[in-house]
Amino acid sequence: MWKRVMVLSLILALILGISAQAVQIRAVQLQPTLSFSGTTATCKTVVVADNDADRISITVRLWDGAMIHSQWSTSGRGAINFRQTATVTRGKTYKLTVNATINGVAQPQQSVTRTCP
């Protein structure tokens, strides 16, 4: 009898431990895109938190080498669908970076690099 109680207690502890870890995993989506039409760069990103009440803040930067070409910031709750344009030079390579915080917690920076044709 004692062994059964110990085994059941161990199984219950394992199940509760796995459930607690699963709750802590956040499913954040952060996806920047950079496209060109002539000398116009379209800078887009979608940020989706795992909860509609989560507060999101983002800073989006378009880089021309080591220099910031353009920068924008915005915030919202649950999701942000960001889109801005900038005038660029053909033949140059640009990098779009997105820094986001969700409920004050910094997320890994995401970026995309492309050359204006």
PDB file of N, CA and C in Angstrom:
ATOM      1  N   MET A   1       0.818  -1.191   0.000  1.00  0.00           N
ATOM      2  CA  MET A   1       0.000   0.000   0.000  1.00  0.00           C
ATOM      3  C   MET A   1       0.868   1.263   0.000  1.00  0.00           C
ATOM      4  N   TRP A   2       1.877   1.278   0.852  1.00  0.00           N
ATOM      5  CA  TRP A   2       2.766   2.429   0.950  1.00  0.00           C
ATOM      6  C   TRP A   2       3.467   2.692  -0.382  1.00  0.00           C
ATOM      7  N   LYS A   3       3.865   1.626  -1.061  1.00  0.00           N
ATOM      8  CA  LYS A   3       4.551   1.779  -2.346  1.00  0.00           C
ATOM      9  C   LYS A   3       3.617   2.395  -3.392  1.00  0.00           C
ATOM     10  N   ARG A   4       2.359   2.009  -3.369  1.00  0.00           N
ATOM     11  CA  ARG A   4       1.397   2.566  -4.326  1.00  0.00           C
ATOM     12  C   ARG A   4       1.217   4.066  -4.104  1.00  0.00           C
ATOM     13  N   VAL A   5       1.121   4.465  -2.858  1.00  0.00           N
ATOM     14  CA  VAL A   5       0.962   5.886  -2.536  1.00  0.00           C
ATOM     15  C   VAL A   5       2.190   6.666  -3.016  1.00  0.00           C
ATOM     16  N   MET A   6       3.381   6.124  -2.812  1.00  0.00           N
ATOM     17  CA  MET A   6       4.608   6.792  -3.231  1.00  0.00           C
ATOM     18  C   MET A   6       4.669   6.906  -4.759  1.00  0.00           C
ATOM     19  N   VAL A   7       4.306   5.834  -5.446  1.00  0.00           N
ATOM     20  CA  VAL A   7       4.331   5.857  -6.906  1.00  0.00           C
ATOM     21  C   VAL A   7       3.316   6.875  -7.425  1.00  0.00           C
ATOM     22  N   LEU A   8       2.107   6.887  -6.899  1.00  0.00           N
ATOM     23  CA  LEU A   8       1.090   7.843  -7.322  1.00  0.00           C
ATOM     24  C   LEU A   8       1.526   9.279  -7.011  1.00  0.00           C
ATOM     25  N   SER A   9       2.153   9.480  -5.870  1.00  0.00           N
ATOM     26  CA  SER A   9       2.653  10.813  -5.511  1.00  0.00           C
ATOM     27  C   SER A   9       3.732  11.266  -6.493  1.00  0.00           C
ATOM     28  N   LEU A  10       4.612  10.363  -6.857  1.00  0.00           N
ATOM     29  CA  LEU A  10       5.667  10.689  -7.808  1.00  0.00           C
ATOM     30  C   LEU A  10       5.088  11.034  -9.180  1.00  0.00           C
ATOM     31  N   ILE A  11       4.134  10.263  -9.637  1.00  0.00           N
ATOM     32  CA  ILE A  11       3.493  10.521 -10.926  1.00  0.00           C
ATOM     33  C   ILE A  11       2.770  11.873 -10.900  1.00  0.00           C
ATOM     34  N   LEU A  12       2.064  12.152  -9.818  1.00  0.00           N
ATOM     35  CA  LEU A  12       1.361  13.427  -9.688  1.00  0.00           C
ATOM     36  C   LEU A  12       2.348  14.596  -9.698  1.00  0.00           C
ATOM     37  N   ALA A  13       3.465  14.454  -9.003  1.00  0.00           N
ATOM     38  CA  ALA A  13       4.482  15.509  -8.978  1.00  0.00           C
ATOM     39  C   ALA A  13       5.056  15.750 -10.370  1.00  0.00           C
ATOM     40  N   LEU A  14       5.295  14.686 -11.123  1.00  0.00           N
ATOM     41  CA  LEU A  14       5.810  14.831 -12.486  1.00  0.00           C
ATOM     42  C   LEU A  14       4.803  15.534 -13.394  1.00  0.00           C
ATOM     43  N   ILE A  15       3.559  15.159 -13.289  1.00  0.00           N
ATOM     44  CA  ILE A  15       2.512  15.763 -14.115  1.00  0.00           C
ATOM     45  C   ILE A  15       2.380  17.242 -13.803  1.00  0.00           C
ATOM     46  N   LEU A  16       2.363  17.602 -12.535  1.00  0.00           N
ATOM     47  CA  LEU A  16       2.246  19.006 -12.151  1.00  0.00           C
ATOM     48  C   LEU A  16       3.468  19.798 -12.598  1.00  0.00           C
ATOM     49  N   GLY A  17       4.640  19.208 -12.526  1.00  0.00           N
ATOM     50  CA  GLY A  17       5.866  19.881 -12.969  1.00  0.00           C
ATOM     51  C   GLY A  17       5.843  20.154 -14.454  1.00  0.00           C
ATOM     52  N   ILE A  18       5.383  19.197 -15.236  1.00  0.00           N
ATOM     53  CA  ILE A  18       5.294  19.379 -16.691  1.00  0.00           C
ATOM     54  C   ILE A  18       4.257  20.436 -17.027  1.00  0.00           C
ATOM     55  N   SER A  19       3.125  20.441 -16.337  1.00  0.00           N
ATOM     56  CA  SER A  19       2.084  21.433 -16.591  1.00  0.00           C
ATOM     57  C   SER A  19       2.576  22.830 -16.276  1.00  0.00           C
ATOM     58  N   ALA A  20       3.307  23.007 -15.203  1.00  0.00           N
ATOM     59  CA  ALA A  20       3.823  24.324 -14.831  1.00  0.00           C
ATOM     60  C   ALA A  20       4.811  24.824 -15.877  1.00  0.00           C
ATOM     61  N   GLN A  21       5.653  23.946 -16.414  1.00  0.00           N
ATOM     62  CA  GLN A  21       6.600  24.362 -17.431  1.00  0.00           C
ATOM     63  C   GLN A  21       5.881  24.738 -18.719  1.00  0.00           C
ATOM     64  N   ALA A  22       4.864  24.015 -19.071  1.00  0.00           N
ATOM     65  CA  ALA A  22       4.134  24.287 -20.302  1.00  0.00           C
ATOM     66  C   ALA A  22       3.458  25.652 -20.244  1.00  0.00           C
ATOM     67  N   VAL A  23       2.977  26.064 -19.084  1.00  0.00           N
ATOM     68  CA  VAL A  23       2.307  27.343 -18.934  1.00  0.00           C
ATOM     69  C   VAL A  23       3.295  28.490 -19.133  1.00  0.00           C
ATOM     70  N   GLN A  24       4.563  28.316 -18.766  1.00  0.00           N
ATOM     71  CA  GLN A  24       5.547  29.379 -18.850  1.00  0.00           C
ATOM     72  C   GLN A  24       6.035  29.625 -20.277  1.00  0.00           C
ATOM     73  N   ILE A  25       5.843  28.715 -21.181  1.00  0.00           N
ATOM     74  CA  ILE A  25       6.295  28.882 -22.563  1.00  0.00           C
ATOM     75  C   ILE A  25       5.396  29.892 -23.259  1.00  0.00           C
ATOM     76  N   ARG A  26       5.995  30.923 -23.857  1.00  0.00           N
ATOM     77  CA  ARG A  26       5.240  31.965 -24.537  1.00  0.00           C
ATOM     78  C   ARG A  26       5.380  31.772 -26.041  1.00  0.00           C
ATOM     79  N   ALA A  27       4.280  31.842 -26.729  1.00  0.00           N
ATOM     80  CA  ALA A  27       4.280  31.671 -28.182  1.00  0.00           C
ATOM     81  C   ALA A  27       4.200  33.045 -28.841  1.00  0.00           C
ATOM     82  N   VAL A  28       5.325  33.737 -28.906  1.00  0.00           N
ATOM     83  CA  VAL A  28       5.381  35.068 -29.494  1.00  0.00           C
ATOM     84  C   VAL A  28       5.804  34.938 -30.956  1.00  0.00           C
ATOM     85  N   GLN A  29       5.093  35.631 -31.831  1.00  0.00           N
ATOM     86  CA  GLN A  29       5.448  35.656 -33.250  1.00  0.00           C
ATOM     87  C   GLN A  29       5.983  37.037 -33.583  1.00  0.00           C
ATOM     88  N   LEU A  30       7.150  37.076 -34.209  1.00  0.00           N
ATOM     89  CA  LEU A  30       7.783  38.335 -34.587  1.00  0.00           C
ATOM     90  C   LEU A  30       8.461  38.113 -35.935  1.00  0.00           C
ATOM     91  N   GLN A  31       7.916  38.748 -36.983  1.00  0.00           N
ATOM     92  CA  GLN A  31       8.389  38.454 -38.334  1.00  0.00           C
ATOM     93  C   GLN A  31       8.512  39.730 -39.164  1.00  0.00           C
ATOM     94  N   PRO A  32       9.762  40.244 -39.361  1.00  0.00           N
ATOM     95  CA  PRO A  32       9.935  41.428 -40.202  1.00  0.00           C
ATOM     96  C   PRO A  32      10.075  41.061 -41.688  1.00  0.00           C
ATOM     97  N   THR A  33       9.644  41.968 -42.562  1.00  0.00           N
ATOM     98  CA  THR A  33       9.856  41.800 -44.004  1.00  0.00           C
ATOM     99  C   THR A  33      10.296  43.145 -44.590  1.00  0.00           C
ATOM    100  N   LEU A  34      11.150  43.064 -45.590  1.00  0.00           N
ATOM    101  CA  LEU A  34      11.659  44.251 -46.269  1.00  0.00           C
ATOM    102  C   LEU A  34      11.542  44.007 -47.767  1.00  0.00           C
ATOM    103  N   SER A  35      10.838  44.902 -48.453  1.00  0.00           N
ATOM    104  CA  SER A  35      10.686  44.757 -49.904  1.00  0.00           C
ATOM    105  C   SER A  35      10.912  46.118 -50.563  1.00  0.00           C
ATOM    106  N   PHE A  36      11.143  46.080 -51.866  1.00  0.00           N
ATOM    107  CA  PHE A  36      11.451  47.301 -52.609  1.00  0.00           C
ATOM    108  C   PHE A  36      10.567  47.408 -53.838  1.00  0.00           C
ATOM    109  N   SER A  37      10.208  48.652 -54.150  1.00  0.00           N
ATOM    110  CA  SER A  37       9.526  48.982 -55.393  1.00  0.00           C
ATOM    111  C   SER A  37      10.198  50.254 -55.892  1.00  0.00           C
ATOM    112  N   GLY A  38      11.084  50.096 -56.862  1.00  0.00           N
ATOM    113  CA  GLY A  38      11.878  51.239 -57.296  1.00  0.00           C
ATOM    114  C   GLY A  38      12.785  51.680 -56.155  1.00  0.00           C
ATOM    115  N   THR A  39      12.657  52.942 -55.773  1.00  0.00           N
ATOM    116  CA  THR A  39      13.471  53.459 -54.670  1.00  0.00           C
ATOM    117  C   THR A  39      12.665  53.611 -53.373  1.00  0.00           C
ATOM    118  N   THR A  40      11.571  52.866 -53.289  1.00  0.00           N
ATOM    119  CA  THR A  40      10.768  52.867 -52.060  1.00  0.00           C
ATOM    120  C   THR A  40      10.916  51.527 -51.354  1.00  0.00           C
ATOM    121  N   ALA A  41      11.369  51.589 -50.107  1.00  0.00           N
ATOM    122  CA  ALA A  41      11.456  50.387 -49.272  1.00  0.00           C
ATOM    123  C   ALA A  41      10.190  50.303 -48.437  1.00  0.00           C
ATOM    124  N   THR A  42       9.593  49.126 -48.403  1.00  0.00           N
ATOM    125  CA  THR A  42       8.446  48.891 -47.540  1.00  0.00           C
ATOM    126  C   THR A  42       8.912  48.023 -46.379  1.00  0.00           C
ATOM    127  N   CYS A  43       8.774  48.573 -45.188  1.00  0.00           N
ATOM    128  CA  CYS A  43       9.230  47.912 -43.960  1.00  0.00           C
ATOM    129  C   CYS A  43       7.996  47.436 -43.206  1.00  0.00           C
ATOM    130  N   LYS A  44       7.890  46.136 -43.035  1.00  0.00           N
ATOM    131  CA  LYS A  44       6.719  45.578 -42.370  1.00  0.00           C
ATOM    132  C   LYS A  44       7.152  44.608 -41.284  1.00  0.00           C
ATOM    133  N   THR A  45       6.341  44.524 -40.262  1.00  0.00           N
ATOM    134  CA  THR A  45       6.522  43.489 -39.259  1.00  0.00           C
ATOM    135  C   THR A  45       5.185  43.214 -38.600  1.00  0.00           C
ATOM    136  N   VAL A  46       5.022  41.970 -38.213  1.00  0.00           N
ATOM    137  CA  VAL A  46       3.854  41.551 -37.454  1.00  0.00           C
ATOM    138  C   VAL A  46       4.363  40.990 -36.141  1.00  0.00           C
ATOM    139  N   VAL A  47       3.819  41.492 -35.054  1.00  0.00           N
ATOM    140  CA  VAL A  47       4.166  40.991 -33.724  1.00  0.00           C
ATOM    141  C   VAL A  47       2.873  40.530 -33.078  1.00  0.00           C
ATOM    142  N   VAL A  48       2.837  39.265 -32.670  1.00  0.00           N
ATOM    143  CA  VAL A  48       1.642  38.703 -32.043  1.00  0.00           C
ATOM    144  C   VAL A  48       2.049  38.065 -30.729  1.00  0.00           C
ATOM    145  N   ALA A  49       1.452  38.529 -29.642  1.00  0.00           N
ATOM    146  CA  ALA A  49       1.680  37.939 -28.332  1.00  0.00           C
ATOM    147  C   ALA A  49       0.724  36.769 -28.149  1.00  0.00           C
ATOM    148  N   ASP A  50       0.929  35.999 -27.102  1.00  0.00           N
ATOM    149  CA  ASP A  50       0.067  34.840 -26.893  1.00  0.00           C
ATOM    150  C   ASP A  50      -1.205  35.188 -26.125  1.00  0.00           C
ATOM    151  N   ASN A  51      -1.373  36.470 -25.789  1.00  0.00           N
ATOM    152  CA  ASN A  51      -2.541  36.884 -25.035  1.00  0.00           C
ATOM    153  C   ASN A  51      -2.962  38.262 -25.545  1.00  0.00           C
ATOM    154  N   ASP A  52      -4.249  38.465 -25.779  1.00  0.00           N
ATOM    155  CA  ASP A  52      -4.752  39.742 -26.298  1.00  0.00           C
ATOM    156  C   ASP A  52      -4.504  40.907 -25.345  1.00  0.00           C
ATOM    157  N   ALA A  53      -4.298  40.638 -24.066  1.00  0.00           N
ATOM    158  CA  ALA A  53      -4.071  41.696 -23.083  1.00  0.00           C
ATOM    159  C   ALA A  53      -2.598  42.062 -22.937  1.00  0.00           C
ATOM    160  N   ASP A  54      -1.693  41.296 -23.561  1.00  0.00           N
ATOM    161  CA  ASP A  54      -0.259  41.572 -23.439  1.00  0.00           C
ATOM    162  C   ASP A  54       0.085  42.912 -24.075  1.00  0.00           C
ATOM    163  N   ARG A  55       0.875  43.709 -23.369  1.00  0.00           N
ATOM    164  CA  ARG A  55       1.320  45.012 -23.884  1.00  0.00           C
ATOM    165  C   ARG A  55       2.588  44.820 -24.705  1.00  0.00           C
ATOM    166  N   ILE A  56       2.555  45.307 -25.946  1.00  0.00           N
ATOM    167  CA  ILE A  56       3.675  45.165 -26.885  1.00  0.00           C
ATOM    168  C   ILE A  56       4.217  46.549 -27.221  1.00  0.00           C
ATOM    169  N   SER A  57       5.528  46.681 -27.196  1.00  0.00           N
ATOM    170  CA  SER A  57       6.205  47.887 -27.677  1.00  0.00           C
ATOM    171  C   SER A  57       7.266  47.443 -28.672  1.00  0.00           C
ATOM    172  N   ILE A  58       7.355  48.151 -29.811  1.00  0.00           N
ATOM    173  CA  ILE A  58       8.372  47.794 -30.801  1.00  0.00           C
ATOM    174  C   ILE A  58       9.119  49.038 -31.269  1.00  0.00           C
ATOM    175  N   THR A  59      10.368  48.817 -31.630  1.00  0.00           N
ATOM    176  CA  THR A  59      11.178  49.818 -32.323  1.00  0.00           C
ATOM    177  C   THR A  59      11.688  49.153 -33.589  1.00  0.00           C
ATOM    178  N   VAL A  60      11.386  49.777 -34.718  1.00  0.00           N
ATOM    179  CA  VAL A  60      11.768  49.252 -36.026  1.00  0.00           C
ATOM    180  C   VAL A  60      12.804  50.210 -36.611  1.00  0.00           C
ATOM    181  N   ARG A  61      13.925  49.643 -37.049  1.00  0.00           N
ATOM    182  CA  ARG A  61      14.986  50.463 -37.632  1.00  0.00           C
ATOM    183  C   ARG A  61      15.362  49.921 -39.009  1.00  0.00           C
ATOM    184  N   LEU A  62      15.527  50.845 -39.951  1.00  0.00           N
ATOM    185  CA  LEU A  62      16.053  50.519 -41.271  1.00  0.00           C
ATOM    186  C   LEU A  62      17.483  51.037 -41.294  1.00  0.00           C
ATOM    187  N   TRP A  63      18.429  50.116 -41.490  1.00  0.00           N
ATOM    188  CA  TRP A  63      19.848  50.444 -41.448  1.00  0.00           C
ATOM    189  C   TRP A  63      20.424  50.529 -42.852  1.00  0.00           C
ATOM    190  N   ASP A  64      21.279  51.523 -43.053  1.00  0.00           N
ATOM    191  CA  ASP A  64      22.088  51.670 -44.258  1.00  0.00           C
ATOM    192  C   ASP A  64      23.523  51.511 -43.775  1.00  0.00           C
ATOM    193  N   GLY A  65      24.038  50.297 -43.840  1.00  0.00           N
ATOM    194  CA  GLY A  65      25.345  50.004 -43.254  1.00  0.00           C
ATOM    195  C   GLY A  65      25.271  50.136 -41.739  1.00  0.00           C
ATOM    196  N   ALA A  66      26.145  50.956 -41.163  1.00  0.00           N
ATOM    197  CA  ALA A  66      26.162  51.150 -39.710  1.00  0.00           C
ATOM    198  C   ALA A  66      25.320  52.352 -39.277  1.00  0.00           C
ATOM    199  N   MET A  67      24.661  53.003 -40.232  1.00  0.00           N
ATOM    200  CA  MET A  67      23.860  54.201 -39.944  1.00  0.00           C
ATOM    201  C   MET A  67      22.373  53.862 -39.964  1.00  0.00           C
ATOM    202  N   ILE A  68      21.652  54.457 -39.026  1.00  0.00           N
ATOM    203  CA  ILE A  68      20.199  54.297 -39.025  1.00  0.00           C
ATOM    204  C   ILE A  68      19.627  55.208 -40.108  1.00  0.00           C
ATOM    205  N   HIS A  69      18.970  54.600 -41.084  1.00  0.00           N
ATOM    206  CA  HIS A  69      18.344  55.353 -42.181  1.00  0.00           C
ATOM    207  C   HIS A  69      16.998  55.915 -41.728  1.00  0.00           C
ATOM    208  N   SER A  70      16.183  55.074 -41.078  1.00  0.00           N
ATOM    209  CA  SER A  70      14.864  55.471 -40.582  1.00  0.00           C
ATOM    210  C   SER A  70      14.567  54.672 -39.323  1.00  0.00           C
ATOM    211  N   GLN A  71      13.747  55.266 -38.450  1.00  0.00           N
ATOM    212  CA  GLN A  71      13.388  54.574 -37.204  1.00  0.00           C
ATOM    213  C   GLN A  71      11.952  54.932 -36.832  1.00  0.00           C
ATOM    214  N   TRP A  72      11.215  53.925 -36.357  1.00  0.00           N
ATOM    215  CA  TRP A  72       9.836  54.118 -35.932  1.00  0.00           C
ATOM    216  C   TRP A  72       9.600  53.331 -34.647  1.00  0.00           C
ATOM    217  N   SER A  73       8.693  53.814 -33.820  1.00  0.00           N
ATOM    218  CA  SER A  73       8.297  53.105 -32.599  1.00  0.00           C
ATOM    219  C   SER A  73       6.785  53.147 -32.484  1.00  0.00           C
ATOM    220  N   THR A  74       6.227  52.081 -31.948  1.00  0.00           N
ATOM    221  CA  THR A  74       4.789  52.028 -31.708  1.00  0.00           C
ATOM    222  C   THR A  74       4.517  51.006 -30.607  1.00  0.00           C
ATOM    223  N   SER A  75       3.295  51.020 -30.108  1.00  0.00           N
ATOM    224  CA  SER A  75       2.923  50.049 -29.075  1.00  0.00           C
ATOM    225  C   SER A  75       1.449  49.700 -29.226  1.00  0.00           C
ATOM    226  N   GLY A  76       1.077  48.623 -28.579  1.00  0.00           N
ATOM    227  CA  GLY A  76      -0.303  48.174 -28.634  1.00  0.00           C
ATOM    228  C   GLY A  76      -0.509  46.986 -27.707  1.00  0.00           C
ATOM    229  N   ARG A  77      -1.657  46.361 -27.814  1.00  0.00           N
ATOM    230  CA  ARG A  77      -1.977  45.190 -26.994  1.00  0.00           C
ATOM    231  C   ARG A  77      -2.347  44.013 -27.885  1.00  0.00           C
ATOM    232  N   GLY A  78      -1.758  42.863 -27.563  1.00  0.00           N
ATOM    233  CA  GLY A  78      -2.119  41.631 -28.255  1.00  0.00           C
ATOM    234  C   GLY A  78      -1.417  41.403 -29.573  1.00  0.00           C
ATOM    235  N   ALA A  79      -1.455  42.404 -30.456  1.00  0.00           N
ATOM    236  CA  ALA A  79      -0.828  42.264 -31.774  1.00  0.00           C
ATOM    237  C   ALA A  79      -0.563  43.639 -32.371  1.00  0.00           C
ATOM    238  N   ILE A  80       0.508  43.714 -33.156  1.00  0.00           N
ATOM    239  CA  ILE A  80       0.824  44.931 -33.903  1.00  0.00           C
ATOM    240  C   ILE A  80       1.103  44.516 -35.341  1.00  0.00           C
ATOM    241  N   ASN A  81       0.464  45.202 -36.265  1.00  0.00           N
ATOM    242  CA  ASN A  81       0.711  45.004 -37.690  1.00  0.00           C
ATOM    243  C   ASN A  81       1.305  46.315 -38.198  1.00  0.00           C
ATOM    244  N   PHE A  82       2.631  46.365 -38.318  1.00  0.00           N
ATOM    245  CA  PHE A  82       3.361  47.590 -38.621  1.00  0.00           C
ATOM    246  C   PHE A  82       3.733  47.647 -40.101  1.00  0.00           C
ATOM    247  N   ARG A  83       3.612  48.863 -40.694  1.00  0.00           N
ATOM    248  CA  ARG A  83       4.013  49.065 -42.093  1.00  0.00           C
ATOM    249  C   ARG A  83       4.395  50.527 -42.286  1.00  0.00           C
ATOM    250  N   GLN A  84       5.600  50.763 -42.798  1.00  0.00           N
ATOM    251  CA  GLN A  84       6.063  52.106 -43.126  1.00  0.00           C
ATOM    252  C   GLN A  84       6.927  52.016 -44.382  1.00  0.00           C
ATOM    253  N   THR A  85       7.089  53.158 -45.049  1.00  0.00           N
ATOM    254  CA  THR A  85       7.944  53.198 -46.231  1.00  0.00           C
ATOM    255  C   THR A  85       9.049  54.230 -46.037  1.00  0.00           C
ATOM    256  N   ALA A  86      10.120  54.049 -46.804  1.00  0.00           N
ATOM    257  CA  ALA A  86      11.246  54.981 -46.790  1.00  0.00           C
ATOM    258  C   ALA A  86      11.845  55.020 -48.190  1.00  0.00           C
ATOM    259  N   THR A  87      12.387  56.164 -48.536  1.00  0.00           N
ATOM    260  CA  THR A  87      13.074  56.304 -49.823  1.00  0.00           C
ATOM    261  C   THR A  87      14.505  55.794 -49.678  1.00  0.00           C
ATOM    262  N   VAL A  88      14.912  54.924 -50.606  1.00  0.00           N
ATOM    263  CA  VAL A  88      16.235  54.292 -50.544  1.00  0.00           C
ATOM    264  C   VAL A  88      16.955  54.464 -51.882  1.00  0.00           C
ATOM    265  N   THR A  89      18.185  53.982 -51.938  1.00  0.00           N
ATOM    266  CA  THR A  89      19.017  54.089 -53.132  1.00  0.00           C
ATOM    267  C   THR A  89      19.191  52.719 -53.772  1.00  0.00           C
ATOM    268  N   ARG A  90      19.005  52.654 -55.077  1.00  0.00           N
ATOM    269  CA  ARG A  90      19.201  51.389 -55.790  1.00  0.00           C
ATOM    270  C   ARG A  90      20.637  50.886 -55.621  1.00  0.00           C
ATOM    271  N   GLY A  91      20.773  49.557 -55.502  1.00  0.00           N
ATOM    272  CA  GLY A  91      22.085  48.939 -55.392  1.00  0.00           C
ATOM    273  C   GLY A  91      22.640  48.874 -53.979  1.00  0.00           C
ATOM    274  N   LYS A  92      22.017  49.554 -53.049  1.00  0.00           N
ATOM    275  CA  LYS A  92      22.490  49.517 -51.662  1.00  0.00           C
ATOM    276  C   LYS A  92      21.812  48.383 -50.903  1.00  0.00           C
ATOM    277  N   THR A  93      22.526  47.886 -49.886  1.00  0.00           N
ATOM    278  CA  THR A  93      21.988  46.830 -49.030  1.00  0.00           C
ATOM    279  C   THR A  93      21.477  47.460 -47.743  1.00  0.00           C
ATOM    280  N   TYR A  94      20.262  47.071 -47.362  1.00  0.00           N
ATOM    281  CA  TYR A  94      19.610  47.601 -46.168  1.00  0.00           C
ATOM    282  C   TYR A  94      19.249  46.458 -45.226  1.00  0.00           C
ATOM    283  N   LYS A  95      19.255  46.772 -43.950  1.00  0.00           N
ATOM    284  CA  LYS A  95      18.878  45.794 -42.926  1.00  0.00           C
ATOM    285  C   LYS A  95      17.729  46.380 -42.117  1.00  0.00           C
ATOM    286  N   LEU A  96      16.694  45.584 -41.919  1.00  0.00           N
ATOM    287  CA  LEU A  96      15.544  45.979 -41.110  1.00  0.00           C
ATOM    288  C   LEU A  96      15.609  45.193 -39.802  1.00  0.00           C
ATOM    289  N   THR A  97      15.642  45.906 -38.671  1.00  0.00           N
ATOM    290  CA  THR A  97      15.671  45.235 -37.368  1.00  0.00           C
ATOM    291  C   THR A  97      14.417  45.589 -36.591  1.00  0.00           C
ATOM    292  N   VAL A  98      13.969  44.637 -35.782  1.00  0.00           N
ATOM    293  CA  VAL A  98      12.803  44.853 -34.932  1.00  0.00           C
ATOM    294  C   VAL A  98      13.171  44.430 -33.519  1.00  0.00           C
ATOM    295  N   ASN A  99      13.052  45.390 -32.589  1.00  0.00           N
ATOM    296  CA  ASN A  99      13.228  45.110 -31.170  1.00  0.00           C
ATOM    297  C   ASN A  99      11.857  45.229 -30.522  1.00  0.00           C
ATOM    298  N   ALA A 100      11.469  44.207 -29.789  1.00  0.00           N
ATOM    299  CA  ALA A 100      10.142  44.193 -29.172  1.00  0.00           C
ATOM    300  C   ALA A 100      10.241  43.841 -27.698  1.00  0.00           C
ATOM    301  N   THR A 101       9.324  44.419 -26.930  1.00  0.00           N
ATOM    302  CA  THR A 101       9.136  43.993 -25.544  1.00  0.00           C
ATOM    303  C   THR A 101       7.669  43.618 -25.390  1.00  0.00           C
ATOM    304  N   ILE A 102       7.446  42.562 -24.653  1.00  0.00           N
ATOM    305  CA  ILE A 102       6.084  42.131 -24.354  1.00  0.00           C
ATOM    306  C   ILE A 102       5.953  42.095 -22.842  1.00  0.00           C
ATOM    307  N   ASN A 103       5.034  42.907 -22.340  1.00  0.00           N
ATOM    308  CA  ASN A 103       4.858  43.081 -20.895  1.00  0.00           C
ATOM    309  C   ASN A 103       6.190  43.427 -20.227  1.00  0.00           C
ATOM    310  N   GLY A 104       6.987  44.249 -20.917  1.00  0.00           N
ATOM    311  CA  GLY A 104       8.256  44.701 -20.365  1.00  0.00           C
ATOM    312  C   GLY A 104       9.412  43.732 -20.517  1.00  0.00           C
ATOM    313  N   VAL A 105       9.175  42.567 -21.100  1.00  0.00           N
ATOM    314  CA  VAL A 105      10.223  41.557 -21.284  1.00  0.00           C
ATOM    315  C   VAL A 105      10.743  41.640 -22.717  1.00  0.00           C
ATOM    316  N   ALA A 106      12.053  41.925 -22.846  1.00  0.00           N
ATOM    317  CA  ALA A 106      12.655  42.039 -24.175  1.00  0.00           C
ATOM    318  C   ALA A 106      12.636  40.698 -24.891  1.00  0.00           C
ATOM    319  N   GLN A 107      12.268  40.744 -26.164  1.00  0.00           N
ATOM    320  CA  GLN A 107      12.261  39.562 -27.022  1.00  0.00           C
ATOM    321  C   GLN A 107      13.535  39.563 -27.867  1.00  0.00           C
ATOM    322  N   PRO A 108      13.949  38.416 -28.374  1.00  0.00           N
ATOM    323  CA  PRO A 108      15.130  38.391 -29.246  1.00  0.00           C
ATOM    324  C   PRO A 108      14.911  39.273 -30.480  1.00  0.00           C
ATOM    325  N   GLN A 109      15.925  40.052 -30.815  1.00  0.00           N
ATOM    326  CA  GLN A 109      15.836  40.920 -31.997  1.00  0.00           C
ATOM    327  C   GLN A 109      15.705  40.066 -33.257  1.00  0.00           C
ATOM    328  N   GLN A 110      14.850  40.508 -34.151  1.00  0.00           N
ATOM    329  CA  GLN A 110      14.685  39.849 -35.444  1.00  0.00           C
ATOM    330  C   GLN A 110      15.120  40.831 -36.526  1.00  0.00           C
ATOM    331  N   SER A 111      15.680  40.306 -37.617  1.00  0.00           N
ATOM    332  CA  SER A 111      16.124  41.190 -38.688  1.00  0.00           C
ATOM    333  C   SER A 111      16.048  40.491 -40.037  1.00  0.00           C
ATOM    334  N   VAL A 112      16.086  41.309 -41.085  1.00  0.00           N
ATOM    335  CA  VAL A 112      16.138  40.812 -42.452  1.00  0.00           C
ATOM    336  C   VAL A 112      17.012  41.798 -43.236  1.00  0.00           C
ATOM    337  N   THR A 113      17.838  41.272 -44.125  1.00  0.00           N
ATOM    338  CA  THR A 113      18.731  42.097 -44.934  1.00  0.00           C
ATOM    339  C   THR A 113      18.440  41.847 -46.406  1.00  0.00           C
ATOM    340  N   ARG A 114      18.317  42.940 -47.183  1.00  0.00           N
ATOM    341  CA  ARG A 114      18.059  42.816 -48.609  1.00  0.00           C
ATOM    342  C   ARG A 114      18.729  43.961 -49.356  1.00  0.00           C
ATOM    343  N   THR A 115      18.985  43.744 -50.616  1.00  0.00           N
ATOM    344  CA  THR A 115      19.582  44.763 -51.465  1.00  0.00           C
ATOM    345  C   THR A 115      18.503  45.327 -52.388  1.00  0.00           C
ATOM    346  N   CYS A 116      18.471  46.660 -52.493  1.00  0.00           N
ATOM    347  CA  CYS A 116      17.523  47.305 -53.381  1.00  0.00           C
ATOM    348  C   CYS A 116      17.973  47.092 -54.828  1.00  0.00           C
ATOM    349  N   PRO A 117      17.159  46.462 -55.656  1.00  0.00           N
ATOM    350  CA  PRO A 117      17.574  46.154 -57.033  1.00  0.00           C
ATOM    351  C   PRO A 117      17.646  47.395 -57.917  1.00  0.00           C
TER     352      PRO A 117
END
